[in-house]
Amino acid sequence: MKRGRCTDICTVLLILVLAGTFIASGCVKKKSDSPVGVQSPGGSGGTTTQQPAPVNTPLTQSGDKTGGTLQSGAGDRSGSQAGQSIITYGAYALWTGKWDTTFFRYGGKEHGTVWELKQVESNVTGTYDWDSGKIILKQSKTSGLAMGTWLESPTYKPPDDAGDIEIQQSHDGNSFSGKWRYGSAGDWIGEWNGTRIR
């Protein structure tokens, strides 16, 4: 009888060891291992299935909609406005170079002159070949708009030989359109437009 009891105890222990092994290896699923989450179809009391956690994916930019960043250095091409590059000088539109320009006066008659401009930050100065002309401009930091004065011989003074000028550079930096007048008051006389030669 003692031997039989020992056999029974050994059998029970063997069963417990095997059951523990099965539980540890995942063959027998514990209740706490059941996934918790959204209830499966079939009403209350049905089994539940766990929804997979959302995967975080990096956002992909669809392009710069603000015009991009202006880079430093003469002749840099950077940014994008209306799908075109902007030629920049630091934070300013680039004016340095040679420009073929036309202006209208004397009843709307077109005249031509060539500008040679140099730029240091927002300050733009230059000369042109009509009455030994000079240009002095200050450029806006937020756009391609430049405002200033034209001056011509013999006096280089308003009201007859100097006045206001405002020019707006195009998005691609290769042309400008503007207006001018005698002195700093009164009506604008006409347009002053230009195209970059180099």
C-alpha atoms as a PDB file:
ATOM      1  CA  MET A   1       0.000   0.000   0.000  1.00  0.00           C
ATOM      2  CA  LYS A   2       2.803   2.402   0.702  1.00  0.00           C
ATOM      3  CA  ARG A   3       4.224   1.764  -2.702  1.00  0.00           C
ATOM      4  CA  GLY A   4       0.829   2.494  -4.314  1.00  0.00           C
ATOM      5  CA  ARG A   5       0.491   5.786  -2.452  1.00  0.00           C
ATOM      6  CA  CYS A   6       3.970   6.830  -3.585  1.00  0.00           C
ATOM      7  CA  THR A   7       3.052   5.999  -7.135  1.00  0.00           C
ATOM      8  CA  ASP A   8      -0.123   8.062  -6.863  1.00  0.00           C
ATOM      9  CA  ILE A   9       1.756  11.041  -5.431  1.00  0.00           C
ATOM     10  CA  CYS A  10       4.445  10.757  -8.110  1.00  0.00           C
ATOM     11  CA  THR A  11       1.779  10.627 -10.803  1.00  0.00           C
ATOM     12  CA  VAL A  12       0.070  13.765  -9.449  1.00  0.00           C
ATOM     13  CA  LEU A  13       3.401  15.580  -9.257  1.00  0.00           C
ATOM     14  CA  LEU A  14       4.245  14.520 -12.813  1.00  0.00           C
ATOM     15  CA  ILE A  15       0.874  15.816 -14.040  1.00  0.00           C
ATOM     16  CA  LEU A  16       1.445  19.152 -12.257  1.00  0.00           C
ATOM     17  CA  VAL A  17       4.937  19.477 -13.747  1.00  0.00           C
ATOM     18  CA  LEU A  18       3.611  18.714 -17.236  1.00  0.00           C
ATOM     19  CA  ALA A  19       0.728  21.159 -16.821  1.00  0.00           C
ATOM     20  CA  GLY A  20       3.165  23.869 -15.687  1.00  0.00           C
ATOM     21  CA  THR A  21       5.359  23.135 -18.694  1.00  0.00           C
ATOM     22  CA  PHE A  22       2.390  23.428 -21.067  1.00  0.00           C
ATOM     23  CA  ILE A  23       1.281  26.706 -19.481  1.00  0.00           C
ATOM     24  CA  ALA A  24       4.796  28.129 -19.653  1.00  0.00           C
ATOM     25  CA  SER A  25       5.179  27.140 -23.303  1.00  0.00           C
ATOM     26  CA  GLY A  26       1.804  28.661 -24.239  1.00  0.00           C
ATOM     27  CA  CYS A  27       0.084  25.426 -25.109  1.00  0.00           C
ATOM     28  CA  VAL A  28      -2.547  26.128 -22.484  1.00  0.00           C
ATOM     29  CA  LYS A  29      -3.745  29.739 -22.560  1.00  0.00           C
ATOM     30  CA  LYS A  30      -4.353  31.408 -19.237  1.00  0.00           C
ATOM     31  CA  LYS A  31      -7.429  33.613 -18.890  1.00  0.00           C
ATOM     32  CA  SER A  32      -5.226  36.658 -18.252  1.00  0.00           C
ATOM     33  CA  ASP A  33      -3.557  36.125 -21.639  1.00  0.00           C
ATOM     34  CA  SER A  34      -6.801  36.654 -23.529  1.00  0.00           C
ATOM     35  CA  PRO A  35      -6.729  39.840 -25.595  1.00  0.00           C
ATOM     36  CA  VAL A  36      -8.868  42.698 -24.379  1.00  0.00           C
ATOM     37  CA  GLY A  37     -10.336  45.272 -26.669  1.00  0.00           C
ATOM     38  CA  VAL A  38     -13.263  45.609 -29.019  1.00  0.00           C
ATOM     39  CA  GLN A  39     -16.061  43.126 -28.620  1.00  0.00           C
ATOM     40  CA  SER A  40     -16.410  40.808 -31.539  1.00  0.00           C
ATOM     41  CA  PRO A  41     -19.707  40.449 -33.412  1.00  0.00           C
ATOM     42  CA  GLY A  42     -22.273  38.159 -31.794  1.00  0.00           C
ATOM     43  CA  GLY A  43     -23.570  40.320 -28.961  1.00  0.00           C
ATOM     44  CA  SER A  44     -22.714  40.422 -25.303  1.00  0.00           C
ATOM     45  CA  GLY A  45     -20.707  37.715 -23.766  1.00  0.00           C
ATOM     46  CA  GLY A  46     -18.790  37.052 -26.973  1.00  0.00           C
ATOM     47  CA  THR A  47     -15.058  36.908 -27.187  1.00  0.00           C
ATOM     48  CA  THR A  48     -13.068  40.068 -27.554  1.00  0.00           C
ATOM     49  CA  THR A  49     -10.317  40.810 -29.994  1.00  0.00           C
ATOM     50  CA  GLN A  50      -7.556  43.307 -29.527  1.00  0.00           C
ATOM     51  CA  GLN A  51      -7.175  46.042 -32.145  1.00  0.00           C
ATOM     52  CA  PRO A  52      -3.636  46.600 -33.325  1.00  0.00           C
ATOM     53  CA  ALA A  53      -1.989  49.745 -32.013  1.00  0.00           C
ATOM     54  CA  PRO A  54      -1.793  52.584 -34.534  1.00  0.00           C
ATOM     55  CA  VAL A  55       1.546  52.872 -36.288  1.00  0.00           C
ATOM     56  CA  ASN A  56       3.197  56.258 -36.107  1.00  0.00           C
ATOM     57  CA  THR A  57       4.479  57.274 -39.541  1.00  0.00           C
ATOM     58  CA  PRO A  58       6.469  60.416 -40.269  1.00  0.00           C
ATOM     59  CA  LEU A  59       4.577  63.219 -41.958  1.00  0.00           C
ATOM     60  CA  THR A  60       5.575  63.867 -45.530  1.00  0.00           C
ATOM     61  CA  GLN A  61       5.760  67.486 -46.586  1.00  0.00           C
ATOM     62  CA  SER A  62       4.000  68.244 -49.823  1.00  0.00           C
ATOM     63  CA  GLY A  63       6.194  71.202 -50.616  1.00  0.00           C
ATOM     64  CA  ASP A  64       6.939  74.679 -49.389  1.00  0.00           C
ATOM     65  CA  LYS A  65       3.842  76.842 -49.617  1.00  0.00           C
ATOM     66  CA  THR A  66       5.308  79.908 -48.044  1.00  0.00           C
ATOM     67  CA  GLY A  67       7.950  80.798 -50.707  1.00  0.00           C
ATOM     68  CA  GLY A  68      10.745  78.950 -49.179  1.00  0.00           C
ATOM     69  CA  THR A  69      13.828  80.324 -47.389  1.00  0.00           C
ATOM     70  CA  LEU A  70      15.938  82.999 -48.941  1.00  0.00           C
ATOM     71  CA  GLN A  71      19.608  82.100 -48.883  1.00  0.00           C
ATOM     72  CA  SER A  72      22.565  84.406 -48.640  1.00  0.00           C
ATOM     73  CA  GLY A  73      25.060  85.219 -51.330  1.00  0.00           C
ATOM     74  CA  ALA A  74      24.723  87.055 -54.613  1.00  0.00           C
ATOM     75  CA  GLY A  75      23.060  85.006 -57.295  1.00  0.00           C
ATOM     76  CA  ASP A  76      21.565  82.329 -55.069  1.00  0.00           C
ATOM     77  CA  ARG A  77      18.385  80.765 -56.384  1.00  0.00           C
ATOM     78  CA  SER A  78      16.095  79.694 -53.597  1.00  0.00           C
ATOM     79  CA  GLY A  79      12.524  79.497 -52.453  1.00  0.00           C
ATOM     80  CA  SER A  80       9.496  79.205 -54.649  1.00  0.00           C
ATOM     81  CA  GLN A  81       6.763  81.653 -55.379  1.00  0.00           C
ATOM     82  CA  ALA A  82       4.118  80.753 -57.922  1.00  0.00           C
ATOM     83  CA  GLY A  83       6.331  77.831 -58.931  1.00  0.00           C
ATOM     84  CA  GLN A  84       9.306  80.010 -59.869  1.00  0.00           C
ATOM     85  CA  SER A  85      12.723  80.587 -58.360  1.00  0.00           C
ATOM     86  CA  ILE A  86      13.680  83.896 -56.817  1.00  0.00           C
ATOM     87  CA  ILE A  87      17.164  85.280 -57.351  1.00  0.00           C
ATOM     88  CA  THR A  88      18.252  86.652 -54.007  1.00  0.00           C
ATOM     89  CA  TYR A  89      20.938  88.649 -52.283  1.00  0.00           C
ATOM     90  CA  GLY A  90      20.742  87.583 -48.657  1.00  0.00           C
ATOM     91  CA  ALA A  91      17.178  88.348 -47.610  1.00  0.00           C
ATOM     92  CA  TYR A  92      16.685  90.715 -50.542  1.00  0.00           C
ATOM     93  CA  ALA A  93      15.906  90.338 -54.235  1.00  0.00           C
ATOM     94  CA  LEU A  94      19.097  90.575 -56.293  1.00  0.00           C
ATOM     95  CA  TRP A  95      19.421  93.851 -58.235  1.00  0.00           C
ATOM     96  CA  THR A  96      23.133  93.765 -59.020  1.00  0.00           C
ATOM     97  CA  GLY A  97      23.694  93.527 -62.761  1.00  0.00           C
ATOM     98  CA  LYS A  98      22.957  95.114 -66.082  1.00  0.00           C
ATOM     99  CA  TRP A  99      19.364  95.938 -67.093  1.00  0.00           C
ATOM    100  CA  ASP A 100      17.869  96.965 -70.432  1.00  0.00           C
ATOM    101  CA  THR A 101      15.139  99.453 -69.485  1.00  0.00           C
ATOM    102  CA  THR A 102      12.405 101.461 -71.166  1.00  0.00           C
ATOM    103  CA  PHE A 103      10.582 104.488 -69.795  1.00  0.00           C
ATOM    104  CA  PHE A 104       7.678 106.508 -71.112  1.00  0.00           C
ATOM    105  CA  ARG A 105       7.452 110.293 -71.250  1.00  0.00           C
ATOM    106  CA  TYR A 106       6.613 113.109 -73.599  1.00  0.00           C
ATOM    107  CA  GLY A 107       3.081 111.999 -74.355  1.00  0.00           C
ATOM    108  CA  GLY A 108       3.711 108.293 -73.846  1.00  0.00           C
ATOM    109  CA  LYS A 109       6.702 107.971 -76.186  1.00  0.00           C
ATOM    110  CA  GLU A 110       9.000 105.071 -75.244  1.00  0.00           C
ATOM    111  CA  HIS A 111      12.675 105.704 -74.575  1.00  0.00           C
ATOM    112  CA  GLY A 112      15.381 103.179 -73.717  1.00  0.00           C
ATOM    113  CA  THR A 113      18.376 103.222 -71.432  1.00  0.00           C
ATOM    114  CA  VAL A 114      20.708 100.669 -69.841  1.00  0.00           C
ATOM    115  CA  TRP A 115      21.163 100.509 -66.062  1.00  0.00           C
ATOM    116  CA  GLU A 116      24.269  99.242 -64.246  1.00  0.00           C
ATOM    117  CA  LEU A 117      23.277  98.452 -60.656  1.00  0.00           C
ATOM    118  CA  LYS A 118      25.261  97.436 -57.567  1.00  0.00           C
ATOM    119  CA  GLN A 119      23.730  96.230 -54.332  1.00  0.00           C
ATOM    120  CA  VAL A 120      24.875  96.073 -50.719  1.00  0.00           C
ATOM    121  CA  GLU A 121      22.145  94.486 -48.613  1.00  0.00           C
ATOM    122  CA  SER A 122      19.063  96.696 -49.064  1.00  0.00           C
ATOM    123  CA  ASN A 123      20.923  99.588 -50.725  1.00  0.00           C
ATOM    124  CA  VAL A 124      20.973  99.655 -54.523  1.00  0.00           C
ATOM    125  CA  THR A 125      22.844 102.295 -56.546  1.00  0.00           C
ATOM    126  CA  GLY A 126      23.640 102.626 -60.194  1.00  0.00           C
ATOM    127  CA  THR A 127      24.049 104.659 -63.338  1.00  0.00           C
ATOM    128  CA  TYR A 128      22.367 104.778 -66.723  1.00  0.00           C
ATOM    129  CA  ASP A 129      23.163 106.216 -70.126  1.00  0.00           C
ATOM    130  CA  TRP A 130      20.431 108.876 -70.409  1.00  0.00           C
ATOM    131  CA  ASP A 131      21.618 112.369 -69.382  1.00  0.00           C
ATOM    132  CA  SER A 132      24.344 110.743 -67.223  1.00  0.00           C
ATOM    133  CA  GLY A 133      21.618 109.359 -65.000  1.00  0.00           C
ATOM    134  CA  LYS A 134      21.938 107.916 -61.497  1.00  0.00           C
ATOM    135  CA  ILE A 135      19.682 105.598 -59.504  1.00  0.00           C
ATOM    136  CA  ILE A 136      19.507 105.405 -55.690  1.00  0.00           C
ATOM    137  CA  LEU A 137      17.130 102.744 -54.301  1.00  0.00           C
ATOM    138  CA  LYS A 138      16.200 101.163 -50.984  1.00  0.00           C
ATOM    139  CA  GLN A 139      14.755  97.674 -51.247  1.00  0.00           C
ATOM    140  CA  SER A 140      12.025  96.205 -49.056  1.00  0.00           C
ATOM    141  CA  LYS A 141      13.163  93.155 -47.072  1.00  0.00           C
ATOM    142  CA  THR A 142       9.833  91.400 -47.504  1.00  0.00           C
ATOM    143  CA  SER A 143       9.410  91.721 -51.274  1.00  0.00           C
ATOM    144  CA  GLY A 144      11.113  92.655 -54.521  1.00  0.00           C
ATOM    145  CA  LEU A 145       9.915  96.255 -54.256  1.00  0.00           C
ATOM    146  CA  ALA A 146      12.564  98.977 -54.446  1.00  0.00           C
ATOM    147  CA  MET A 147      11.846 102.690 -53.984  1.00  0.00           C
ATOM    148  CA  GLY A 148      14.114 105.663 -54.431  1.00  0.00           C
ATOM    149  CA  THR A 149      15.272 108.445 -56.700  1.00  0.00           C
ATOM    150  CA  TRP A 150      16.423 108.942 -60.276  1.00  0.00           C
ATOM    151  CA  LEU A 151      18.794 111.869 -60.947  1.00  0.00           C
ATOM    152  CA  GLU A 152      20.045 113.373 -64.239  1.00  0.00           C
ATOM    153  CA  SER A 153      22.333 116.117 -65.484  1.00  0.00           C
ATOM    154  CA  PRO A 154      22.780 118.988 -65.469  1.00  0.00           C
ATOM    155  CA  THR A 155      21.509 119.753 -61.927  1.00  0.00           C
ATOM    156  CA  TYR A 156      20.629 116.301 -60.493  1.00  0.00           C
ATOM    157  CA  LYS A 157      17.924 118.107 -58.486  1.00  0.00           C
ATOM    158  CA  PRO A 158      14.134 118.180 -58.556  1.00  0.00           C
ATOM    159  CA  PRO A 159      11.837 119.224 -59.958  1.00  0.00           C
ATOM    160  CA  ASP A 160      13.301 118.946 -63.491  1.00  0.00           C
ATOM    161  CA  ASP A 161      16.306 116.634 -63.130  1.00  0.00           C
ATOM    162  CA  ALA A 162      15.333 114.267 -60.300  1.00  0.00           C
ATOM    163  CA  GLY A 163      12.332 112.502 -58.851  1.00  0.00           C
ATOM    164  CA  ASP A 164      10.788 109.408 -57.313  1.00  0.00           C
ATOM    165  CA  ILE A 165      10.903 105.928 -58.792  1.00  0.00           C
ATOM    166  CA  GLU A 166       9.313 102.668 -57.606  1.00  0.00           C
ATOM    167  CA  ILE A 167      10.114  99.331 -59.237  1.00  0.00           C
ATOM    168  CA  GLN A 168       8.913  95.800 -58.510  1.00  0.00           C
ATOM    169  CA  GLN A 169      11.085  92.832 -59.447  1.00  0.00           C
ATOM    170  CA  SER A 170       9.411  89.790 -60.996  1.00  0.00           C
ATOM    171  CA  HIS A 171       9.359  86.417 -59.188  1.00  0.00           C
ATOM    172  CA  ASP A 172      12.063  84.975 -61.436  1.00  0.00           C
ATOM    173  CA  GLY A 173      14.323  87.991 -60.853  1.00  0.00           C
ATOM    174  CA  ASN A 174      14.827  88.673 -64.550  1.00  0.00           C
ATOM    175  CA  SER A 175      12.617  91.715 -65.055  1.00  0.00           C
ATOM    176  CA  PHE A 176      10.965  94.597 -63.234  1.00  0.00           C
ATOM    177  CA  SER A 177       8.068  96.958 -63.746  1.00  0.00           C
ATOM    178  CA  GLY A 178       7.693 100.376 -62.198  1.00  0.00           C
ATOM    179  CA  LYS A 179       6.723 104.014 -62.336  1.00  0.00           C
ATOM    180  CA  TRP A 180       8.426 107.393 -61.986  1.00  0.00           C
ATOM    181  CA  ARG A 181       7.681 111.097 -61.619  1.00  0.00           C
ATOM    182  CA  TYR A 182       9.357 114.481 -61.367  1.00  0.00           C
ATOM    183  CA  GLY A 183      10.059 115.476 -57.773  1.00  0.00           C
ATOM    184  CA  SER A 184       8.345 113.729 -54.864  1.00  0.00           C
ATOM    185  CA  ALA A 185       4.762 114.920 -55.238  1.00  0.00           C
ATOM    186  CA  GLY A 186       2.065 114.908 -57.866  1.00  0.00           C
ATOM    187  CA  ASP A 187       1.095 112.404 -60.489  1.00  0.00           C
ATOM    188  CA  TRP A 188       3.286 109.613 -61.765  1.00  0.00           C
ATOM    189  CA  ILE A 189       4.541 110.470 -65.263  1.00  0.00           C
ATOM    190  CA  GLY A 190       4.731 106.953 -66.677  1.00  0.00           C
ATOM    191  CA  GLU A 191       6.146 103.457 -66.521  1.00  0.00           C
ATOM    192  CA  TRP A 192       9.770 102.415 -66.139  1.00  0.00           C
ATOM    193  CA  ASN A 193      10.332  98.740 -66.934  1.00  0.00           C
ATOM    194  CA  GLY A 194      13.418  96.600 -67.374  1.00  0.00           C
ATOM    195  CA  THR A 195      14.826  93.204 -68.339  1.00  0.00           C
ATOM    196  CA  ARG A 196      18.003  91.695 -66.905  1.00  0.00           C
ATOM    197  CA  ILE A 197      20.879  91.482 -69.379  1.00  0.00           C
ATOM    198  CA  ARG A 198      23.291  89.841 -66.939  1.00  0.00           C
END
